[in-house]
Structure formats: C-alpha cells, structure tokens
C-alpha atoms as a PDB file:
ATOM      1  CA  UNK A   1     -14.900  10.274  -9.539  1.00  0.00           C
ATOM      2  CA  UNK A   2     -11.374  12.020 -11.786  1.00  0.00           C
ATOM      3  CA  UNK A   3     -11.308  15.380 -12.101  1.00  0.00           C
ATOM      4  CA  UNK A   4     -11.176  14.699 -15.680  1.00  0.00           C
ATOM      5  CA  UNK A   5     -13.623  12.243 -15.763  1.00  0.00           C
ATOM      6  CA  UNK A   6     -16.343  15.106 -14.640  1.00  0.00           C
ATOM      7  CA  UNK A   7     -15.141  17.092 -17.606  1.00  0.00           C
ATOM      8  CA  UNK A   8     -15.645  14.800 -19.611  1.00  0.00           C
ATOM      9  CA  UNK A   9     -18.878  14.503 -18.086  1.00  0.00           C
ATOM     10  CA  UNK A  10     -19.966  18.285 -18.143  1.00  0.00           C
ATOM     11  CA  UNK A  11     -18.848  18.232 -21.719  1.00  0.00           C
ATOM     12  CA  UNK A  12     -20.659  14.924 -22.606  1.00  0.00           C
ATOM     13  CA  UNK A  13     -23.848  16.897 -21.239  1.00  0.00           C
ATOM     14  CA  UNK A  14     -22.936  20.073 -23.471  1.00  0.00           C
ATOM     15  CA  UNK A  15     -22.912  17.762 -26.284  1.00  0.00           C
ATOM     16  CA  UNK A  16     -25.827  16.154 -25.574  1.00  0.00           C
ATOM     17  CA  UNK A  17     -24.309  12.816 -25.503  1.00  0.00           C
ATOM     18  CA  UNK A  18     -25.855  12.316 -22.169  1.00  0.00           C
ATOM     19  CA  UNK A  19     -28.956  13.193 -20.606  1.00  0.00           C
ATOM     20  CA  UNK A  20     -29.193  15.858 -17.089  1.00  0.00           C
ATOM     21  CA  UNK A  21     -30.811  13.492 -15.506  1.00  0.00           C
ATOM     22  CA  UNK A  22     -28.105  10.950 -16.178  1.00  0.00           C
ATOM     23  CA  UNK A  23     -25.679  13.081 -15.177  1.00  0.00           C
ATOM     24  CA  UNK A  24     -26.836  14.339 -12.075  1.00  0.00           C
ATOM     25  CA  UNK A  25     -26.892  10.414 -10.848  1.00  0.00           C
ATOM     26  CA  UNK A  26     -23.511  10.335 -11.575  1.00  0.00           C
ATOM     27  CA  UNK A  27     -23.095  13.650  -9.788  1.00  0.00           C
ATOM     28  CA  UNK A  28     -24.631  12.388  -6.922  1.00  0.00           C
ATOM     29  CA  UNK A  29     -22.058   9.655  -6.377  1.00  0.00           C
ATOM     30  CA  UNK A  30     -20.088  12.519  -4.853  1.00  0.00           C
ATOM     31  CA  UNK A  31     -18.137  12.287  -2.110  1.00  0.00           C
ATOM     32  CA  UNK A  32     -19.309   9.055  -1.533  1.00  0.00           C
ATOM     33  CA  UNK A  33     -21.612   6.324  -2.871  1.00  0.00           C
ATOM     34  CA  UNK A  34     -23.972   4.095  -0.065  1.00  0.00           C
ATOM     35  CA  UNK A  35     -23.974   0.411  -0.755  1.00  0.00           C
ATOM     36  CA  UNK A  36     -25.947   0.176   2.441  1.00  0.00           C
ATOM     37  CA  UNK A  37     -23.105  -1.870   3.814  1.00  0.00           C
ATOM     38  CA  UNK A  38     -20.741   0.116   2.571  1.00  0.00           C
ATOM     39  CA  UNK A  39     -19.687   3.831   1.809  1.00  0.00           C
ATOM     40  CA  UNK A  40     -17.373   4.188  -1.172  1.00  0.00           C
ATOM     41  CA  UNK A  41     -15.425   6.855  -1.253  1.00  0.00           C
ATOM     42  CA  UNK A  42     -15.047   8.254  -4.884  1.00  0.00           C
ATOM     43  CA  UNK A  43     -13.532  11.445  -3.614  1.00  0.00           C
ATOM     44  CA  UNK A  44     -10.363  10.455  -2.416  1.00  0.00           C
ATOM     45  CA  UNK A  45      -8.343  10.337  -5.963  1.00  0.00           C
ATOM     46  CA  UNK A  46      -9.220  13.956  -6.617  1.00  0.00           C
ATOM     47  CA  UNK A  47      -8.025  14.766  -2.335  1.00  0.00           C
ATOM     48  CA  UNK A  48      -5.002  12.331  -1.976  1.00  0.00           C
ATOM     49  CA  UNK A  49      -3.944  11.525  -5.364  1.00  0.00           C
ATOM     50  CA  UNK A  50      -5.316   7.409  -5.385  1.00  0.00           C
ATOM     51  CA  UNK A  51      -8.253   5.733  -5.256  1.00  0.00           C
ATOM     52  CA  UNK A  52      -9.516   4.370  -1.869  1.00  0.00           C
ATOM     53  CA  UNK A  53      -8.276   0.560  -1.094  1.00  0.00           C
ATOM     54  CA  UNK A  54     -10.648  -1.751  -0.794  1.00  0.00           C
ATOM     55  CA  UNK A  55      -9.419  -4.223   2.463  1.00  0.00           C
ATOM     56  CA  UNK A  56     -10.638  -7.310   2.445  1.00  0.00           C
ATOM     57  CA  UNK A  57     -10.524  -9.233   5.705  1.00  0.00           C
ATOM     58  CA  UNK A  58     -14.080  -8.962   7.152  1.00  0.00           C
ATOM     59  CA  UNK A  59     -15.699  -8.375   4.332  1.00  0.00           C
ATOM     60  CA  UNK A  60     -17.892 -10.963   2.241  1.00  0.00           C
ATOM     61  CA  UNK A  61     -16.495 -12.461  -1.319  1.00  0.00           C
ATOM     62  CA  UNK A  62     -20.012 -10.844  -2.401  1.00  0.00           C
ATOM     63  CA  UNK A  63     -19.387  -7.581  -0.491  1.00  0.00           C
ATOM     64  CA  UNK A  64     -15.838  -7.088  -2.049  1.00  0.00           C
ATOM     65  CA  UNK A  65     -16.901  -7.974  -5.670  1.00  0.00           C
ATOM     66  CA  UNK A  66     -19.909  -5.653  -5.372  1.00  0.00           C
ATOM     67  CA  UNK A  67     -17.432  -3.174  -3.790  1.00  0.00           C
ATOM     68  CA  UNK A  68     -15.479  -3.476  -7.286  1.00  0.00           C
ATOM     69  CA  UNK A  69     -18.351  -3.088  -9.129  1.00  0.00           C
ATOM     70  CA  UNK A  70     -19.077   0.149  -7.931  1.00  0.00           C
ATOM     71  CA  UNK A  71     -15.243   1.403  -7.809  1.00  0.00           C
ATOM     72  CA  UNK A  72     -14.758   0.284 -11.240  1.00  0.00           C
ATOM     73  CA  UNK A  73     -17.581   2.933 -12.285  1.00  0.00           C
ATOM     74  CA  UNK A  74     -15.355   5.939 -10.538  1.00  0.00           C
ATOM     75  CA  UNK A  75     -11.501   5.389 -10.644  1.00  0.00           C
ATOM     76  CA  UNK A  76      -9.012   3.193 -13.248  1.00  0.00           C
ATOM     77  CA  UNK A  77      -6.857   1.888 -11.022  1.00  0.00           C
ATOM     78  CA  UNK A  78      -8.815  -0.701  -7.867  1.00  0.00           C
ATOM     79  CA  UNK A  79      -6.365  -2.232  -5.324  1.00  0.00           C
ATOM     80  CA  UNK A  80      -7.692  -4.697  -2.883  1.00  0.00           C
ATOM     81  CA  UNK A  81      -5.221  -5.472   0.069  1.00  0.00           C
ATOM     82  CA  UNK A  82      -5.453  -8.520   2.235  1.00  0.00           C
ATOM     83  CA  UNK A  83      -7.135 -10.477  -0.392  1.00  0.00           C
ATOM     84  CA  UNK A  84      -7.294 -14.680  -0.829  1.00  0.00           C
ATOM     85  CA  UNK A  85      -6.781 -16.610  -3.530  1.00  0.00           C
ATOM     86  CA  UNK A  86     -10.828 -17.521  -3.464  1.00  0.00           C
ATOM     87  CA  UNK A  87     -11.442 -13.195  -3.602  1.00  0.00           C
ATOM     88  CA  UNK A  88      -9.015 -12.777  -6.731  1.00  0.00           C
ATOM     89  CA  UNK A  89     -10.853 -15.573  -8.641  1.00  0.00           C
ATOM     90  CA  UNK A  90     -14.035 -13.836  -7.781  1.00  0.00           C
ATOM     91  CA  UNK A  91     -12.988 -10.507  -9.062  1.00  0.00           C
ATOM     92  CA  UNK A  92     -11.227 -11.627 -11.955  1.00  0.00           C
ATOM     93  CA  UNK A  93     -15.074 -13.226 -12.740  1.00  0.00           C
ATOM     94  CA  UNK A  94     -15.812  -9.368 -13.384  1.00  0.00           C
ATOM     95  CA  UNK A  95     -12.629  -8.229 -14.121  1.00  0.00           C
ATOM     96  CA  UNK A  96     -10.367 -10.180 -15.883  1.00  0.00           C
ATOM     97  CA  UNK A  97      -7.570  -8.284 -16.076  1.00  0.00           C
ATOM     98  CA  UNK A  98      -6.899  -8.494 -12.059  1.00  0.00           C
ATOM     99  CA  UNK A  99      -3.404  -9.559 -10.968  1.00  0.00           C
ATOM    100  CA  UNK A 100      -3.050 -11.358  -7.994  1.00  0.00           C
ATOM    101  CA  UNK A 101       0.290 -10.333  -6.493  1.00  0.00           C
ATOM    102  CA  UNK A 102       0.273 -14.029  -3.861  1.00  0.00           C
ATOM    103  CA  UNK A 103       2.901 -12.989  -1.454  1.00  0.00           C
ATOM    104  CA  UNK A 104       1.490  -9.589  -0.823  1.00  0.00           C
ATOM    105  CA  UNK A 105      -1.839 -10.783  -0.805  1.00  0.00           C
ATOM    106  CA  UNK A 106      -2.911  -7.483  -2.802  1.00  0.00           C
ATOM    107  CA  UNK A 107      -5.159  -7.489  -6.062  1.00  0.00           C
ATOM    108  CA  UNK A 108      -4.742  -4.794  -8.578  1.00  0.00           C
ATOM    109  CA  UNK A 109      -6.736  -4.232 -11.340  1.00  0.00           C
ATOM    110  CA  UNK A 110      -5.966  -1.745 -13.873  1.00  0.00           C
ATOM    111  CA  UNK A 111      -1.780  -0.260 -14.588  1.00  0.00           C
ATOM    112  CA  UNK A 112       0.725   0.867 -12.055  1.00  0.00           C
ATOM    113  CA  UNK A 113       1.472   4.657 -11.697  1.00  0.00           C
ATOM    114  CA  UNK A 114       3.786   5.649 -14.100  1.00  0.00           C
ATOM    115  CA  UNK A 115       7.315   5.582 -11.978  1.00  0.00           C
ATOM    116  CA  UNK A 116       8.309   9.595 -12.606  1.00  0.00           C
ATOM    117  CA  UNK A 117      10.926   9.972 -10.233  1.00  0.00           C
ATOM    118  CA  UNK A 118      14.762   7.988  -9.805  1.00  0.00           C
ATOM    119  CA  UNK A 119      14.598   7.932  -5.667  1.00  0.00           C
ATOM    120  CA  UNK A 120      14.530   4.566  -4.226  1.00  0.00           C
ATOM    121  CA  UNK A 121      12.792   3.704  -2.214  1.00  0.00           C
ATOM    122  CA  UNK A 122      14.008   0.399  -0.040  1.00  0.00           C
ATOM    123  CA  UNK A 123      12.245  -2.047   1.402  1.00  0.00           C
ATOM    124  CA  UNK A 124      14.201  -4.552   4.065  1.00  0.00           C
ATOM    125  CA  UNK A 125      13.381  -7.605   6.135  1.00  0.00           C
ATOM    126  CA  UNK A 126      14.628  -8.805   9.217  1.00  0.00           C
ATOM    127  CA  UNK A 127      14.248 -12.616   7.944  1.00  0.00           C
ATOM    128  CA  UNK A 128      11.943 -14.684   5.599  1.00  0.00           C
ATOM    129  CA  UNK A 129       9.152 -14.983   7.374  1.00  0.00           C
ATOM    130  CA  UNK A 130       8.569 -11.021   7.048  1.00  0.00           C
ATOM    131  CA  UNK A 131       8.563 -11.446   3.660  1.00  0.00           C
ATOM    132  CA  UNK A 132       4.421 -11.291   2.865  1.00  0.00           C
ATOM    133  CA  UNK A 133       4.651  -7.682   5.355  1.00  0.00           C
ATOM    134  CA  UNK A 134       7.815  -6.624   3.153  1.00  0.00           C
ATOM    135  CA  UNK A 135       5.880  -7.518   0.248  1.00  0.00           C
ATOM    136  CA  UNK A 136       2.198  -5.826   1.450  1.00  0.00           C
ATOM    137  CA  UNK A 137       4.539  -2.692   1.527  1.00  0.00           C
ATOM    138  CA  UNK A 138       6.827  -2.994  -1.688  1.00  0.00           C
ATOM    139  CA  UNK A 139       3.795  -3.899  -3.968  1.00  0.00           C
ATOM    140  CA  UNK A 140       1.942  -0.645  -2.501  1.00  0.00           C
ATOM    141  CA  UNK A 141       5.081   1.312  -3.007  1.00  0.00           C
ATOM    142  CA  UNK A 142       5.608   0.173  -6.754  1.00  0.00           C
ATOM    143  CA  UNK A 143       1.146   0.541  -7.527  1.00  0.00           C
ATOM    144  CA  UNK A 144       1.843   3.791  -6.250  1.00  0.00           C
ATOM    145  CA  UNK A 145       4.574   4.579  -9.218  1.00  0.00           C
ATOM    146  CA  UNK A 146       7.713   4.237  -7.067  1.00  0.00           C
ATOM    147  CA  UNK A 147      10.745   2.169  -7.802  1.00  0.00           C
ATOM    148  CA  UNK A 148      11.454  -0.313  -5.206  1.00  0.00           C
ATOM    149  CA  UNK A 149      15.026  -2.197  -4.273  1.00  0.00           C
ATOM    150  CA  UNK A 150      14.234  -4.942  -1.820  1.00  0.00           C
ATOM    151  CA  UNK A 151      16.795  -6.471   0.974  1.00  0.00           C
ATOM    152  CA  UNK A 152      15.450  -9.705   2.339  1.00  0.00           C
ATOM    153  CA  UNK A 153      16.729 -11.786   5.445  1.00  0.00           C
ATOM    154  CA  UNK A 154      19.307  -9.475   6.675  1.00  0.00           C
ATOM    155  CA  UNK A 155      18.435  -9.436  10.316  1.00  0.00           C
ATOM    156  CA  UNK A 156      20.553  -8.415  13.133  1.00  0.00           C
ATOM    157  CA  UNK A 157      20.686 -12.041  14.046  1.00  0.00           C
ATOM    158  CA  UNK A 158      23.299 -12.284  11.319  1.00  0.00           C
ATOM    159  CA  UNK A 159      24.798  -8.599  11.222  1.00  0.00           C
ATOM    160  CA  UNK A 160      27.023  -8.853   8.525  1.00  0.00           C
ATOM    161  CA  UNK A 161      24.293  -9.557   6.684  1.00  0.00           C
ATOM    162  CA  UNK A 162      23.592  -6.282   6.457  1.00  0.00           C
ATOM    163  CA  UNK A 163      26.779  -4.636   6.284  1.00  0.00           C
ATOM    164  CA  UNK A 164      27.354  -6.690   3.263  1.00  0.00           C
ATOM    165  CA  UNK A 165      24.071  -4.518   1.900  1.00  0.00           C
ATOM    166  CA  UNK A 166      24.858  -1.265   3.066  1.00  0.00           C
ATOM    167  CA  UNK A 167      25.738   0.474  -0.723  1.00  0.00           C
ATOM    168  CA  UNK A 168      22.482  -0.589  -1.816  1.00  0.00           C
ATOM    169  CA  UNK A 169      20.330   0.213   2.158  1.00  0.00           C
ATOM    170  CA  UNK A 170      22.600   4.008   1.607  1.00  0.00           C
ATOM    171  CA  UNK A 171      21.260   4.616  -1.855  1.00  0.00           C
ATOM    172  CA  UNK A 172      17.791   4.893  -0.707  1.00  0.00           C
ATOM    173  CA  UNK A 173      15.649   8.327  -0.243  1.00  0.00           C
ATOM    174  CA  UNK A 174      12.930   5.984   2.123  1.00  0.00           C
ATOM    175  CA  UNK A 175      13.797   2.958   3.825  1.00  0.00           C
ATOM    176  CA  UNK A 176      10.903   0.690   5.355  1.00  0.00           C
ATOM    177  CA  UNK A 177      12.409  -1.748   7.160  1.00  0.00           C
ATOM    178  CA  UNK A 178      10.331  -5.048   8.349  1.00  0.00           C
ATOM    179  CA  UNK A 179      10.933  -6.573  11.497  1.00  0.00           C
ATOM    180  CA  UNK A 180       9.089  -9.047  14.402  1.00  0.00           C
ATOM    181  CA  UNK A 181      11.362 -10.882  17.170  1.00  0.00           C
ATOM    182  CA  UNK A 182      12.681  -8.175  18.867  1.00  0.00           C
ATOM    183  CA  UNK A 183      12.198  -5.562  16.402  1.00  0.00           C
ATOM    184  CA  UNK A 184      15.674  -4.607  16.710  1.00  0.00           C
ATOM    185  CA  UNK A 185      16.943  -4.320  12.838  1.00  0.00           C
ATOM    186  CA  UNK A 186      15.263  -0.434  12.397  1.00  0.00           C
ATOM    187  CA  UNK A 187      17.244   1.078  15.112  1.00  0.00           C
ATOM    188  CA  UNK A 188      20.513  -0.590  13.597  1.00  0.00           C
ATOM    189  CA  UNK A 189      19.626   0.556  10.280  1.00  0.00           C
ATOM    190  CA  UNK A 190      18.381   3.604  11.689  1.00  0.00           C
ATOM    191  CA  UNK A 191      21.563   4.681  13.117  1.00  0.00           C
ATOM    192  CA  UNK A 192      23.524   4.056   9.981  1.00  0.00           C
ATOM    193  CA  UNK A 193      21.790   6.528   7.258  1.00  0.00           C
ATOM    194  CA  UNK A 194      20.690  10.123   6.721  1.00  0.00           C
ATOM    195  CA  UNK A 195      17.322   9.378   5.488  1.00  0.00           C
ATOM    196  CA  UNK A 196      13.630   8.533   6.938  1.00  0.00           C
ATOM    197  CA  UNK A 197      12.738   5.077   7.855  1.00  0.00           C
ATOM    198  CA  UNK A 198       9.814   3.709   8.217  1.00  0.00           C
ATOM    199  CA  UNK A 199       9.443   0.654  10.869  1.00  0.00           C
ATOM    200  CA  UNK A 200       7.073  -1.878  10.516  1.00  0.00           C
ATOM    201  CA  UNK A 201       6.467  -4.470  13.248  1.00  0.00           C
ATOM    202  CA  UNK A 202       5.163  -7.897  12.548  1.00  0.00           C
ATOM    203  CA  UNK A 203       3.709 -10.642  14.164  1.00  0.00           C
ATOM    204  CA  UNK A 204       6.345 -12.917  13.858  1.00  0.00           C
ATOM    205  CA  UNK A 205       8.078 -14.885  16.665  1.00  0.00           C
ATOM    206  CA  UNK A 206       7.450 -16.974  19.478  1.00  0.00           C
ATOM    207  CA  UNK A 207       5.327 -16.237  22.486  1.00  0.00           C
ATOM    208  CA  UNK A 208       7.053 -13.692  24.739  1.00  0.00           C
ATOM    209  CA  UNK A 209       6.328 -11.611  20.805  1.00  0.00           C
ATOM    210  CA  UNK A 210       3.000 -11.271  21.551  1.00  0.00           C
ATOM    211  CA  UNK A 211       2.253 -10.830  18.328  1.00  0.00           C
ATOM    212  CA  UNK A 212       4.290  -8.460  17.212  1.00  0.00           C
ATOM    213  CA  UNK A 213       3.676  -6.295  20.531  1.00  0.00           C
ATOM    214  CA  UNK A 214       7.418  -6.758  21.208  1.00  0.00           C
ATOM    215  CA  UNK A 215       8.561  -5.227  17.811  1.00  0.00           C
ATOM    216  CA  UNK A 216       5.978  -2.696  17.990  1.00  0.00           C
ATOM    217  CA  UNK A 217       7.178  -1.374  22.011  1.00  0.00           C
ATOM    218  CA  UNK A 218      10.478  -1.865  20.482  1.00  0.00           C
ATOM    219  CA  UNK A 219      10.710  -0.153  17.353  1.00  0.00           C
ATOM    220  CA  UNK A 220       8.263   3.018  19.350  1.00  0.00           C
ATOM    221  CA  UNK A 221      11.425   3.473  21.817  1.00  0.00           C
ATOM    222  CA  UNK A 222      13.798   3.793  19.305  1.00  0.00           C
ATOM    223  CA  UNK A 223      16.829   5.987  20.589  1.00  0.00           C
ATOM    224  CA  UNK A 224      17.205   6.815  16.542  1.00  0.00           C
ATOM    225  CA  UNK A 225      15.994  10.605  15.380  1.00  0.00           C
ATOM    226  CA  UNK A 226      14.725  10.046  11.520  1.00  0.00           C
ATOM    227  CA  UNK A 227      12.193   6.551  12.632  1.00  0.00           C
ATOM    228  CA  UNK A 228       8.796   6.354  12.740  1.00  0.00           C
ATOM    229  CA  UNK A 229       6.777   3.182  13.524  1.00  0.00           C
ATOM    230  CA  UNK A 230       3.652   2.084  11.718  1.00  0.00           C
ATOM    231  CA  UNK A 231       1.192  -0.725  13.289  1.00  0.00           C
ATOM    232  CA  UNK A 232       1.545  -4.386  13.168  1.00  0.00           C
ATOM    233  CA  UNK A 233       1.859  -6.000  10.082  1.00  0.00           C
ATOM    234  CA  UNK A 234       0.565  -3.040   8.126  1.00  0.00           C
ATOM    235  CA  UNK A 235       3.016  -2.897   5.194  1.00  0.00           C
ATOM    236  CA  UNK A 236       0.219  -1.140   3.246  1.00  0.00           C
ATOM    237  CA  UNK A 237       0.079   2.027   5.635  1.00  0.00           C
ATOM    238  CA  UNK A 238       4.158   2.195   4.958  1.00  0.00           C
ATOM    239  CA  UNK A 239       4.601   1.554   1.471  1.00  0.00           C
ATOM    240  CA  UNK A 240       1.967   4.235   1.039  1.00  0.00           C
ATOM    241  CA  UNK A 241       3.653   6.833   3.631  1.00  0.00           C
ATOM    242  CA  UNK A 242       6.852   5.774   1.611  1.00  0.00           C
ATOM    243  CA  UNK A 243       5.345   6.959  -1.772  1.00  0.00           C
ATOM    244  CA  UNK A 244       4.427  10.235  -0.334  1.00  0.00           C
ATOM    245  CA  UNK A 245       7.351  10.451   1.199  1.00  0.00           C
ATOM    246  CA  UNK A 246       9.120   9.691  -1.883  1.00  0.00           C
ATOM    247  CA  UNK A 247       7.451  11.524  -4.555  1.00  0.00           C
ATOM    248  CA  UNK A 248       8.311  14.913  -2.713  1.00  0.00           C
ATOM    249  CA  UNK A 249      10.520  17.330  -4.761  1.00  0.00           C
ATOM    250  CA  UNK A 250      11.014  14.570  -7.603  1.00  0.00           C
END
C-alpha cells in the first residue's frame, strides 16, 4: 500500500466515508497479505519504490490471477515476469488494460513509471539468441522509468560490430551486457568504458557451456574492474539493479 493510499484511507475515516472496521481490515494487510499459498509484500513500494513483482514460473494460472487481484488492491502498477501467453490471456480477463511484452515474457498492468532522468541504460546482447534475456532487462528498466538504448547482436565473433557501435556504448550511464557461450563480451566492453557494467550470463550455447555455467564463471572471473554479474538468464535482476544505479544523482 502506497503512502498516498494510507493518507487517503485516514482522510476517508475522518470524513466518515469509510467505516473504522473496514479501515482496520485494510491496514491489517500491511506489511503483507497472506493468501495461504503466497504472502504478498504490500509494503515493498514504500520500502523500495516499486511494488513486488510476480514471478510466474512454478505458479499455476489460478494462483497468478489471484495474486494479481490482491496486489491490484494495493498498487497501481503490477509487473509479472516469466509469463507465458496463456498467463497473459488469463490476466487480461480480469485486467483488460494488461500489456504483454512477448519477447521479454513480461505482463504489465498499469503505466510505466515516468522518466525523470536523461541518463541512458544501454542493454547489449552478444547474439540474437540472447535477446529474450536482454529484452527482460530492457523492459524491466523501462517499466521502472529509465531511458533504454538497445544494441543487439554485437558479440566477439564479429568484434567489428561492437566497434561500429562504440559511440552509442560510450553515451550510456549504465551498461547491461547479455551473453551466452563463453560470455566474453562483458569483459571486452568493460575494458572500454568508465561506467558500471552489469554482466548477464545466458543459457545459450553448446554442450560445454553447461546451460550458462561457462558464461557465468567467465563473467565472475573477469579481470575488468567495475563489472558485476547476476545469475544465469536473470535479465530482470539486471534491469532492476541498473535502474537503481541510473536514478541516483538525477
């Protein structure tokens, strides 16, 4: 529940437009609401500046819909990650304004946060196969109100593609580099820029890539300072963290 919502609730009680018992019921949902199968963090927007995000993998469609219904009582913006088209269709039954970013596998209910900075987050992918994870990062950052520049398919297998985009890369305030295979692109770009870089290993690659483990270890062992690494395929985590950095010192 947002600070503004709490203030409005108190005003409604004073005005007599809402009963004290009903106000107490709503306040009991802070800081979380127990649905039995899930405990919704209704306090997160106050603490972190953005509501809890629904991670759809491992949840049934019925559970996701129920969570959306409950979260919508507290927050104006709802984001669901790793959502399938079937999940989106079910959500749209109760929230017709829901928007689906198919490549990113994200459902958005409500509006993206207002952009309040000119600082750019560059989301860079090594290959086309890495784009779904890159899009998860890019869309997450955009929902959080950040300007995003997409620079895709410039991996080290054709390093001239990277060099031809260096002006766009140098303009970024924060960089997210998404790569599978051996994950070398993060180190290459990290050695060229003076801005924070978030490396995202993906599960793209042949057998010895071990579903992204090879890229993860390469990125964790990068000798380039200023590079941090999130978990395999964690575009959401990278987009969220980049947004926290980018909004500092607006």
